[in-house]
Amino acid sequence: MELSLQIEELFRRDRNKLIGFIRERVRSREEAEDILQDVFANVLQAASEVTQPIENIGAWVFTAIRNRIIDSY
């Protein structure tokens, strides 16, 4: 399966879990939604430039989310 499709599937399947993870670390639900949207836009863009397979896409996305939360502080 193409990487961008795997990322989209992850978003659909785990959206609530990801929002919950972000929400525990930021002030508002709106900020959590913004962070998730930004991360997925960036991850989808980065996926087009990836040349090697990513073994654990979920971990890759969680790392991107964690980094974006740190940036929001």
PDB file of N, CA and C in Angstrom:
ATOM      1  N   MET A   1       0.845  -1.176   0.000  1.00  0.00           N
ATOM      2  CA  MET A   1       0.000   0.000   0.000  1.00  0.00           C
ATOM      3  C   MET A   1       0.889   1.238   0.000  1.00  0.00           C
ATOM      4  N   GLU A   2       0.504   2.217  -0.773  1.00  0.00           N
ATOM      5  CA  GLU A   2       1.254   3.460  -0.870  1.00  0.00           C
ATOM      6  C   GLU A   2       1.286   4.172   0.488  1.00  0.00           C
ATOM      7  N   LEU A   3       2.399   4.816   0.779  1.00  0.00           N
ATOM      8  CA  LEU A   3       2.605   5.456   2.079  1.00  0.00           C
ATOM      9  C   LEU A   3       1.523   6.487   2.394  1.00  0.00           C
ATOM     10  N   SER A   4       1.165   7.324   1.442  1.00  0.00           N
ATOM     11  CA  SER A   4       0.157   8.347   1.721  1.00  0.00           C
ATOM     12  C   SER A   4      -1.192   7.712   2.054  1.00  0.00           C
ATOM     13  N   LEU A   5      -1.517   6.592   1.431  1.00  0.00           N
ATOM     14  CA  LEU A   5      -2.761   5.890   1.751  1.00  0.00           C
ATOM     15  C   LEU A   5      -2.703   5.290   3.151  1.00  0.00           C
ATOM     16  N   GLN A   6      -1.540   4.788   3.537  1.00  0.00           N
ATOM     17  CA  GLN A   6      -1.372   4.253   4.896  1.00  0.00           C
ATOM     18  C   GLN A   6      -1.546   5.362   5.935  1.00  0.00           C
ATOM     19  N   ILE A   7      -1.032   6.539   5.629  1.00  0.00           N
ATOM     20  CA  ILE A   7      -1.149   7.671   6.544  1.00  0.00           C
ATOM     21  C   ILE A   7      -2.608   8.106   6.659  1.00  0.00           C
ATOM     22  N   GLU A   8      -3.305   8.170   5.544  1.00  0.00           N
ATOM     23  CA  GLU A   8      -4.717   8.529   5.562  1.00  0.00           C
ATOM     24  C   GLU A   8      -5.532   7.510   6.359  1.00  0.00           C
ATOM     25  N   GLU A   9      -5.222   6.238   6.193  1.00  0.00           N
ATOM     26  CA  GLU A   9      -5.907   5.187   6.948  1.00  0.00           C
ATOM     27  C   GLU A   9      -5.632   5.335   8.445  1.00  0.00           C
ATOM     28  N   LEU A  10      -4.389   5.631   8.797  1.00  0.00           N
ATOM     29  CA  LEU A  10      -4.033   5.863  10.197  1.00  0.00           C
ATOM     30  C   LEU A  10      -4.846   7.019  10.763  1.00  0.00           C
ATOM     31  N   PHE A  11      -4.963   8.088  10.007  1.00  0.00           N
ATOM     32  CA  PHE A  11      -5.733   9.242  10.448  1.00  0.00           C
ATOM     33  C   PHE A  11      -7.193   8.859  10.694  1.00  0.00           C
ATOM     34  N   ARG A  12      -7.796   8.154   9.752  1.00  0.00           N
ATOM     35  CA  ARG A  12      -9.199   7.750   9.909  1.00  0.00           C
ATOM     36  C   ARG A  12      -9.382   6.809  11.098  1.00  0.00           C
ATOM     37  N   ARG A  13      -8.498   5.861  11.224  1.00  0.00           N
ATOM     38  CA  ARG A  13      -8.630   4.831  12.251  1.00  0.00           C
ATOM     39  C   ARG A  13      -8.320   5.354  13.646  1.00  0.00           C
ATOM     40  N   ASP A  14      -7.280   6.182  13.779  1.00  0.00           N
ATOM     41  CA  ASP A  14      -6.766   6.565  15.097  1.00  0.00           C
ATOM     42  C   ASP A  14      -6.958   8.041  15.448  1.00  0.00           C
ATOM     43  N   ARG A  15      -7.794   8.728  14.707  1.00  0.00           N
ATOM     44  CA  ARG A  15      -7.980  10.171  14.908  1.00  0.00           C
ATOM     45  C   ARG A  15      -8.330  10.503  16.363  1.00  0.00           C
ATOM     46  N   ASN A  16      -9.292   9.816  16.928  1.00  0.00           N
ATOM     47  CA  ASN A  16      -9.716  10.119  18.306  1.00  0.00           C
ATOM     48  C   ASN A  16      -8.600   9.859  19.317  1.00  0.00           C
ATOM     49  N   LYS A  17      -7.848   8.794  19.104  1.00  0.00           N
ATOM     50  CA  LYS A  17      -6.723   8.493  19.995  1.00  0.00           C
ATOM     51  C   LYS A  17      -5.651   9.581  19.892  1.00  0.00           C
ATOM     52  N   LEU A  18      -5.390  10.041  18.667  1.00  0.00           N
ATOM     53  CA  LEU A  18      -4.383  11.083  18.463  1.00  0.00           C
ATOM     54  C   LEU A  18      -4.830  12.404  19.075  1.00  0.00           C
ATOM     55  N   ILE A  19      -6.102  12.752  18.888  1.00  0.00           N
ATOM     56  CA  ILE A  19      -6.636  13.978  19.486  1.00  0.00           C
ATOM     57  C   ILE A  19      -6.536  13.893  21.006  1.00  0.00           C
ATOM     58  N   GLY A  20      -6.860  12.739  21.574  1.00  0.00           N
ATOM     59  CA  GLY A  20      -6.759  12.556  23.022  1.00  0.00           C
ATOM     60  C   GLY A  20      -5.342  12.738  23.517  1.00  0.00           C
ATOM     61  N   PHE A  21      -4.387  12.176  22.787  1.00  0.00           N
ATOM     62  CA  PHE A  21      -2.969  12.309  23.134  1.00  0.00           C
ATOM     63  C   PHE A  21      -2.555  13.779  23.132  1.00  0.00           C
ATOM     64  N   ILE A  22      -2.955  14.493  22.091  1.00  0.00           N
ATOM     65  CA  ILE A  22      -2.597  15.909  21.976  1.00  0.00           C
ATOM     66  C   ILE A  22      -3.322  16.718  23.053  1.00  0.00           C
ATOM     67  N   ARG A  23      -4.594  16.423  23.245  1.00  0.00           N
ATOM     68  CA  ARG A  23      -5.437  17.186  24.168  1.00  0.00           C
ATOM     69  C   ARG A  23      -4.907  17.147  25.601  1.00  0.00           C
ATOM     70  N   GLU A  24      -4.269  16.041  25.978  1.00  0.00           N
ATOM     71  CA  GLU A  24      -3.690  15.947  27.314  1.00  0.00           C
ATOM     72  C   GLU A  24      -2.526  16.916  27.501  1.00  0.00           C
ATOM     73  N   ARG A  25      -2.005  17.454  26.412  1.00  0.00           N
ATOM     74  CA  ARG A  25      -0.798  18.261  26.475  1.00  0.00           C
ATOM     75  C   ARG A  25      -0.976  19.722  26.056  1.00  0.00           C
ATOM     76  N   VAL A  26      -2.171  20.073  25.575  1.00  0.00           N
ATOM     77  CA  VAL A  26      -2.421  21.461  25.146  1.00  0.00           C
ATOM     78  C   VAL A  26      -3.656  22.002  25.862  1.00  0.00           C
ATOM     79  N   ARG A  27      -3.886  23.300  25.715  1.00  0.00           N
ATOM     80  CA  ARG A  27      -4.944  23.987  26.461  1.00  0.00           C
ATOM     81  C   ARG A  27      -6.356  23.692  25.982  1.00  0.00           C
ATOM     82  N   SER A  28      -6.565  23.575  24.686  1.00  0.00           N
ATOM     83  CA  SER A  28      -7.940  23.492  24.193  1.00  0.00           C
ATOM     84  C   SER A  28      -8.084  22.426  23.108  1.00  0.00           C
ATOM     85  N   ARG A  29      -9.324  22.018  22.914  1.00  0.00           N
ATOM     86  CA  ARG A  29      -9.631  21.060  21.842  1.00  0.00           C
ATOM     87  C   ARG A  29      -9.311  21.670  20.480  1.00  0.00           C
ATOM     88  N   GLU A  30      -9.577  22.965  20.326  1.00  0.00           N
ATOM     89  CA  GLU A  30      -9.304  23.638  19.051  1.00  0.00           C
ATOM     90  C   GLU A  30      -7.811  23.612  18.731  1.00  0.00           C
ATOM     91  N   GLU A  31      -6.981  23.841  19.746  1.00  0.00           N
ATOM     92  CA  GLU A  31      -5.531  23.788  19.546  1.00  0.00           C
ATOM     93  C   GLU A  31      -5.103  22.371  19.176  1.00  0.00           C
ATOM     94  N   ALA A  32      -5.707  21.378  19.818  1.00  0.00           N
ATOM     95  CA  ALA A  32      -5.401  19.979  19.498  1.00  0.00           C
ATOM     96  C   ALA A  32      -5.785  19.661  18.053  1.00  0.00           C
ATOM     97  N   GLU A  33      -6.947  20.138  17.619  1.00  0.00           N
ATOM     98  CA  GLU A  33      -7.385  19.919  16.236  1.00  0.00           C
ATOM     99  C   GLU A  33      -6.422  20.582  15.252  1.00  0.00           C
ATOM    100  N   ASP A  34      -6.007  21.801  15.565  1.00  0.00           N
ATOM    101  CA  ASP A  34      -5.057  22.512  14.698  1.00  0.00           C
ATOM    102  C   ASP A  34      -3.733  21.767  14.581  1.00  0.00           C
ATOM    103  N   ILE A  35      -3.244  21.289  15.712  1.00  0.00           N
ATOM    104  CA  ILE A  35      -1.973  20.548  15.708  1.00  0.00           C
ATOM    105  C   ILE A  35      -2.108  19.287  14.877  1.00  0.00           C
ATOM    106  N   LEU A  36      -3.187  18.540  15.070  1.00  0.00           N
ATOM    107  CA  LEU A  36      -3.374  17.304  14.306  1.00  0.00           C
ATOM    108  C   LEU A  36      -3.451  17.592  12.810  1.00  0.00           C
ATOM    109  N   GLN A  37      -4.186  18.623  12.436  1.00  0.00           N
ATOM    110  CA  GLN A  37      -4.305  18.976  11.025  1.00  0.00           C
ATOM    111  C   GLN A  37      -2.945  19.377  10.444  1.00  0.00           C
ATOM    112  N   ASP A  38      -2.205  20.207  11.173  1.00  0.00           N
ATOM    113  CA  ASP A  38      -0.879  20.629  10.712  1.00  0.00           C
ATOM    114  C   ASP A  38       0.058  19.437  10.539  1.00  0.00           C
ATOM    115  N   VAL A  39       0.051  18.553  11.533  1.00  0.00           N
ATOM    116  CA  VAL A  39       0.935  17.392  11.482  1.00  0.00           C
ATOM    117  C   VAL A  39       0.604  16.515  10.285  1.00  0.00           C
ATOM    118  N   PHE A  40      -0.670  16.226  10.074  1.00  0.00           N
ATOM    119  CA  PHE A  40      -1.011  15.349   8.963  1.00  0.00           C
ATOM    120  C   PHE A  40      -0.713  15.992   7.617  1.00  0.00           C
ATOM    121  N   ALA A  41      -0.898  17.292   7.493  1.00  0.00           N
ATOM    122  CA  ALA A  41      -0.527  17.973   6.251  1.00  0.00           C
ATOM    123  C   ALA A  41       0.980  17.846   6.013  1.00  0.00           C
ATOM    124  N   ASN A  42       1.766  18.067   7.074  1.00  0.00           N
ATOM    125  CA  ASN A  42       3.224  17.972   6.954  1.00  0.00           C
ATOM    126  C   ASN A  42       3.682  16.536   6.700  1.00  0.00           C
ATOM    127  N   VAL A  43       3.059  15.586   7.384  1.00  0.00           N
ATOM    128  CA  VAL A  43       3.436  14.179   7.216  1.00  0.00           C
ATOM    129  C   VAL A  43       3.109  13.709   5.797  1.00  0.00           C
ATOM    130  N   LEU A  44       1.953  14.096   5.281  1.00  0.00           N
ATOM    131  CA  LEU A  44       1.604  13.705   3.909  1.00  0.00           C
ATOM    132  C   LEU A  44       2.571  14.323   2.903  1.00  0.00           C
ATOM    133  N   GLN A  45       2.968  15.561   3.133  1.00  0.00           N
ATOM    134  CA  GLN A  45       3.942  16.202   2.251  1.00  0.00           C
ATOM    135  C   GLN A  45       5.297  15.491   2.335  1.00  0.00           C
ATOM    136  N   ALA A  46       5.732  15.188   3.555  1.00  0.00           N
ATOM    137  CA  ALA A  46       7.015  14.510   3.746  1.00  0.00           C
ATOM    138  C   ALA A  46       6.985  13.107   3.151  1.00  0.00           C
ATOM    139  N   ALA A  47       5.837  12.462   3.173  1.00  0.00           N
ATOM    140  CA  ALA A  47       5.717  11.097   2.643  1.00  0.00           C
ATOM    141  C   ALA A  47       6.067  11.042   1.165  1.00  0.00           C
ATOM    142  N   SER A  48       5.796  12.111   0.451  1.00  0.00           N
ATOM    143  CA  SER A  48       6.111  12.120  -0.983  1.00  0.00           C
ATOM    144  C   SER A  48       7.608  12.170  -1.232  1.00  0.00           C
ATOM    145  N   GLU A  49       8.378  12.536  -0.213  1.00  0.00           N
ATOM    146  CA  GLU A  49       9.828  12.653  -0.351  1.00  0.00           C
ATOM    147  C   GLU A  49      10.590  11.486   0.270  1.00  0.00           C
ATOM    148  N   VAL A  50       9.871  10.579   0.941  1.00  0.00           N
ATOM    149  CA  VAL A  50      10.512   9.444   1.603  1.00  0.00           C
ATOM    150  C   VAL A  50      10.949   8.429   0.555  1.00  0.00           C
ATOM    151  N   THR A  51      12.210   8.010   0.659  1.00  0.00           N
ATOM    152  CA  THR A  51      12.741   7.054  -0.317  1.00  0.00           C
ATOM    153  C   THR A  51      12.857   5.645   0.252  1.00  0.00           C
ATOM    154  N   GLN A  52      12.896   5.536   1.574  1.00  0.00           N
ATOM    155  CA  GLN A  52      13.014   4.227   2.219  1.00  0.00           C
ATOM    156  C   GLN A  52      11.690   3.884   2.891  1.00  0.00           C
ATOM    157  N   PRO A  53      11.351   2.624   2.975  1.00  0.00           N
ATOM    158  CA  PRO A  53      10.098   2.256   3.652  1.00  0.00           C
ATOM    159  C   PRO A  53      10.124   2.640   5.128  1.00  0.00           C
ATOM    160  N   ILE A  54       8.975   3.027   5.641  1.00  0.00           N
ATOM    161  CA  ILE A  54       8.836   3.348   7.062  1.00  0.00           C
ATOM    162  C   ILE A  54       8.181   2.147   7.711  1.00  0.00           C
ATOM    163  N   GLU A  55       8.889   1.542   8.653  1.00  0.00           N
ATOM    164  CA  GLU A  55       8.402   0.306   9.259  1.00  0.00           C
ATOM    165  C   GLU A  55       7.215   0.536  10.179  1.00  0.00           C
ATOM    166  N   ASN A  56       7.218   1.628  10.943  1.00  0.00           N
ATOM    167  CA  ASN A  56       6.145   1.881  11.879  1.00  0.00           C
ATOM    168  C   ASN A  56       5.608   3.297  11.656  1.00  0.00           C
ATOM    169  N   ILE A  57       4.599   3.405  10.826  1.00  0.00           N
ATOM    170  CA  ILE A  57       4.049   4.708  10.467  1.00  0.00           C
ATOM    171  C   ILE A  57       3.435   5.386  11.683  1.00  0.00           C
ATOM    172  N   GLY A  58       2.794   4.616  12.542  1.00  0.00           N
ATOM    173  CA  GLY A  58       2.200   5.189  13.749  1.00  0.00           C
ATOM    174  C   GLY A  58       3.233   5.884  14.613  1.00  0.00           C
ATOM    175  N   ALA A  59       4.378   5.264  14.807  1.00  0.00           N
ATOM    176  CA  ALA A  59       5.451   5.863  15.603  1.00  0.00           C
ATOM    177  C   ALA A  59       5.987   7.122  14.930  1.00  0.00           C
ATOM    178  N   TRP A  60       6.072   7.089  13.617  1.00  0.00           N
ATOM    179  CA  TRP A  60       6.541   8.248  12.851  1.00  0.00           C
ATOM    180  C   TRP A  60       5.589   9.424  13.055  1.00  0.00           C
ATOM    181  N   VAL A  61       4.297   9.152  12.979  1.00  0.00           N
ATOM    182  CA  VAL A  61       3.289  10.199  13.157  1.00  0.00           C
ATOM    183  C   VAL A  61       3.291  10.698  14.603  1.00  0.00           C
ATOM    184  N   PHE A  62       3.370   9.792  15.575  1.00  0.00           N
ATOM    185  CA  PHE A  62       3.411  10.220  16.975  1.00  0.00           C
ATOM    186  C   PHE A  62       4.634  11.091  17.250  1.00  0.00           C
ATOM    187  N   THR A  63       5.758  10.772  16.656  1.00  0.00           N
ATOM    188  CA  THR A  63       6.953  11.595  16.816  1.00  0.00           C
ATOM    189  C   THR A  63       6.711  12.984  16.239  1.00  0.00           C
ATOM    190  N   ALA A  64       6.089  13.052  15.072  1.00  0.00           N
ATOM    191  CA  ALA A  64       5.774  14.347  14.458  1.00  0.00           C
ATOM    192  C   ALA A  64       4.816  15.140  15.343  1.00  0.00           C
ATOM    193  N   ILE A  65       3.834  14.458  15.924  1.00  0.00           N
ATOM    194  CA  ILE A  65       2.877  15.120  16.814  1.00  0.00           C
ATOM    195  C   ILE A  65       3.583  15.647  18.060  1.00  0.00           C
ATOM    196  N   ARG A  66       4.413  14.816  18.657  1.00  0.00           N
ATOM    197  CA  ARG A  66       5.145  15.229  19.858  1.00  0.00           C
ATOM    198  C   ARG A  66       6.019  16.453  19.560  1.00  0.00           C
ATOM    199  N   ASN A  67       6.695  16.439  18.422  1.00  0.00           N
ATOM    200  CA  ASN A  67       7.537  17.574  18.046  1.00  0.00           C
ATOM    201  C   ASN A  67       6.703  18.835  17.849  1.00  0.00           C
ATOM    202  N   ARG A  68       5.538  18.697  17.233  1.00  0.00           N
ATOM    203  CA  ARG A  68       4.661  19.859  16.997  1.00  0.00           C
ATOM    204  C   ARG A  68       4.114  20.410  18.310  1.00  0.00           C
ATOM    205  N   ILE A  69       3.808  19.540  19.264  1.00  0.00           N
ATOM    206  CA  ILE A  69       3.355  19.988  20.584  1.00  0.00           C
ATOM    207  C   ILE A  69       4.469  20.789  21.260  1.00  0.00           C
ATOM    208  N   ILE A  70       5.687  20.289  21.198  1.00  0.00           N
ATOM    209  CA  ILE A  70       6.837  21.006  21.773  1.00  0.00           C
ATOM    210  C   ILE A  70       6.965  22.372  21.110  1.00  0.00           C
ATOM    211  N   ASP A  71       6.820  22.420  19.796  1.00  0.00           N
ATOM    212  CA  ASP A  71       6.898  23.694  19.079  1.00  0.00           C
ATOM    213  C   ASP A  71       5.799  24.668  19.540  1.00  0.00           C
ATOM    214  N   SER A  72       4.637  24.137  19.920  1.00  0.00           N
ATOM    215  CA  SER A  72       3.530  25.019  20.327  1.00  0.00           C
ATOM    216  C   SER A  72       3.786  25.654  21.688  1.00  0.00           C
ATOM    217  N   TYR A  73       4.676  25.055  22.496  1.00  0.00           N
ATOM    218  CA  TYR A  73       5.007  25.657  23.792  1.00  0.00           C
ATOM    219  C   TYR A  73       5.836  26.896  23.558  1.00  0.00           C
TER     220      TYR A  73
END
